[in-house]
Amino acid sequence: MAEEQQTTEVDEQAELGPPTEQAVRAVLDTVEDPELRMSITELGLIYGVEVDPEGMVTVDMTLTSPACPVGPMLQGMIYHKLMQTPGVEDVEVNLVWNPPWDPRTMASEDVKMALGIW
């Protein structure tokens, strides 16, 4: 019975179309940098999110450094979490380097405190 209700909710969302940018960002809030154990959105690593009417989601993100060893892992985590989101048909995760990531200006106040940046 619960499975039928969950299926109905997913079907209803799919009928409503693609998720909003806000809904996509809420999913991205749950993705953590495995080295820092902090949300990639709080770290300021997400530079842009676009959702087209067909459910294609494009995420522009950066890494804490160009040589960051967990870059492919983060891209995969984003892809898999977003593909589980109702209304998402496909996901493209682009790595961008401009502007260079700077936690002093891009990270949240909580992250700055945790990293000892004031």
Protein backbone atom coordinates (compact mmCIF):
# COMPACT_ATOMS: atom_id res chain seq x y z
CA MET A 1 0.00 0.00 0.00
CA ALA A 2 2.80 2.45 0.93
CA GLU A 3 4.64 1.51 -2.28
CA GLU A 4 1.55 2.39 -4.33
CA GLN A 5 1.30 5.79 -2.62
CA GLN A 6 5.00 6.51 -3.25
CA THR A 7 4.64 5.50 -6.92
CA THR A 8 1.60 7.77 -7.25
CA GLU A 9 3.56 10.71 -5.77
CA VAL A 10 6.44 10.14 -8.20
CA ASP A 11 3.99 9.89 -11.12
CA GLU A 12 2.29 13.12 -10.04
CA GLN A 13 5.66 14.95 -9.92
CA ALA A 14 6.60 13.61 -13.35
CA GLU A 15 3.30 14.95 -14.70
CA LEU A 16 4.11 18.35 -13.20
CA GLY A 17 7.25 18.59 -15.32
CA PRO A 18 10.86 19.27 -14.41
CA PRO A 19 11.92 20.31 -10.91
CA THR A 20 12.52 23.95 -10.08
CA GLU A 21 16.02 25.35 -9.73
CA GLN A 22 15.29 25.67 -6.01
CA ALA A 23 14.45 21.95 -5.79
CA VAL A 24 17.68 21.05 -7.62
CA ARG A 25 19.68 23.27 -5.24
CA ALA A 26 18.01 21.54 -2.27
CA VAL A 27 19.29 18.20 -3.60
CA LEU A 28 22.77 19.70 -4.12
CA ASP A 29 22.71 20.85 -0.47
CA THR A 30 22.86 17.17 0.51
CA VAL A 31 26.08 16.48 -1.44
CA GLU A 32 29.15 16.72 0.80
CA ASP A 33 32.78 17.16 -0.12
CA PRO A 34 34.22 13.84 1.14
CA GLU A 35 37.45 15.45 2.32
CA LEU A 36 35.96 18.44 4.15
CA ARG A 37 32.64 16.82 5.14
CA MET A 38 30.79 20.02 4.24
CA SER A 39 28.02 20.70 1.73
CA ILE A 40 29.29 21.65 -1.71
CA THR A 41 26.73 24.46 -1.83
CA GLU A 42 27.86 25.83 1.54
CA LEU A 43 31.45 25.66 0.31
CA GLY A 44 30.45 27.78 -2.69
CA LEU A 45 31.45 25.16 -5.26
CA ILE A 46 28.19 25.42 -7.24
CA TYR A 47 28.41 28.28 -9.74
CA GLY A 48 25.20 27.70 -11.66
CA VAL A 49 22.13 25.51 -12.07
CA GLU A 50 19.86 25.40 -15.11
CA VAL A 51 16.77 23.27 -15.68
CA ASP A 52 15.21 23.17 -19.13
CA PRO A 53 11.54 22.37 -19.85
CA GLU A 54 12.40 18.79 -20.88
CA GLY A 55 14.00 18.00 -17.49
CA MET A 56 17.65 18.40 -18.52
CA VAL A 57 19.63 19.73 -15.55
CA THR A 58 22.98 21.43 -16.06
CA VAL A 59 25.21 22.15 -13.07
CA ASP A 60 28.33 24.32 -13.30
CA MET A 61 30.69 23.67 -10.43
CA THR A 62 34.28 24.11 -9.43
CA LEU A 63 36.62 22.31 -7.07
CA THR A 64 38.65 23.51 -4.13
CA SER A 65 41.73 23.16 -6.37
CA PRO A 66 42.34 22.07 -9.98
CA ALA A 67 44.21 19.02 -8.67
CA CYS A 68 41.42 18.00 -6.28
CA PRO A 69 41.42 14.17 -6.29
CA VAL A 70 37.70 13.87 -5.48
CA GLY A 71 36.46 15.87 -8.49
CA PRO A 72 35.18 12.85 -10.45
CA MET A 73 33.59 11.46 -7.28
CA LEU A 74 31.72 14.73 -6.67
CA GLN A 75 30.53 14.84 -10.27
CA GLY A 76 29.24 11.28 -9.92
CA MET A 77 27.51 12.02 -6.61
CA ILE A 78 25.75 15.03 -8.13
CA TYR A 79 24.71 13.05 -11.20
CA HIS A 80 23.30 10.13 -9.22
CA LYS A 81 21.43 12.24 -6.67
CA LEU A 82 19.86 14.45 -9.32
CA MET A 83 18.89 11.49 -11.53
CA GLN A 84 16.82 10.20 -8.59
CA THR A 85 14.89 13.48 -8.48
CA PRO A 86 11.39 13.30 -9.97
CA GLY A 87 11.12 15.16 -13.26
CA VAL A 88 14.86 15.02 -14.04
CA GLU A 89 15.50 13.34 -17.39
CA ASP A 90 19.27 13.85 -17.64
CA VAL A 91 22.10 15.65 -15.85
CA GLU A 92 25.25 17.34 -17.09
CA VAL A 93 27.87 18.38 -14.54
CA ASN A 94 30.44 20.83 -15.91
CA LEU A 95 33.69 21.69 -14.17
CA VAL A 96 34.54 25.37 -14.52
CA TRP A 97 37.58 27.23 -13.26
CA ASN A 98 36.59 30.85 -13.71
CA PRO A 99 36.36 32.48 -11.29
CA PRO A 100 38.85 30.54 -9.18
CA TRP A 101 37.30 29.25 -5.96
CA ASP A 102 38.00 31.48 -2.97
CA PRO A 103 36.43 30.40 0.34
CA ARG A 104 36.79 33.91 1.75
CA THR A 105 34.21 35.21 -0.72
CA MET A 106 32.30 32.12 -1.87
CA ALA A 107 31.78 29.97 1.23
CA SER A 108 28.99 30.46 3.76
CA GLU A 109 29.69 32.07 7.12
CA ASP A 110 29.35 28.66 8.84
CA VAL A 111 31.98 27.15 6.53
CA LYS A 112 34.32 30.09 7.07
CA MET A 113 34.05 29.58 10.83
CA ALA A 114 34.65 25.82 10.52
CA LEU A 115 37.69 26.39 8.27
CA GLY A 116 39.06 29.14 10.50
CA ILE A 117 38.66 31.89 7.89
CA TRP A 118 37.71 35.29 9.16
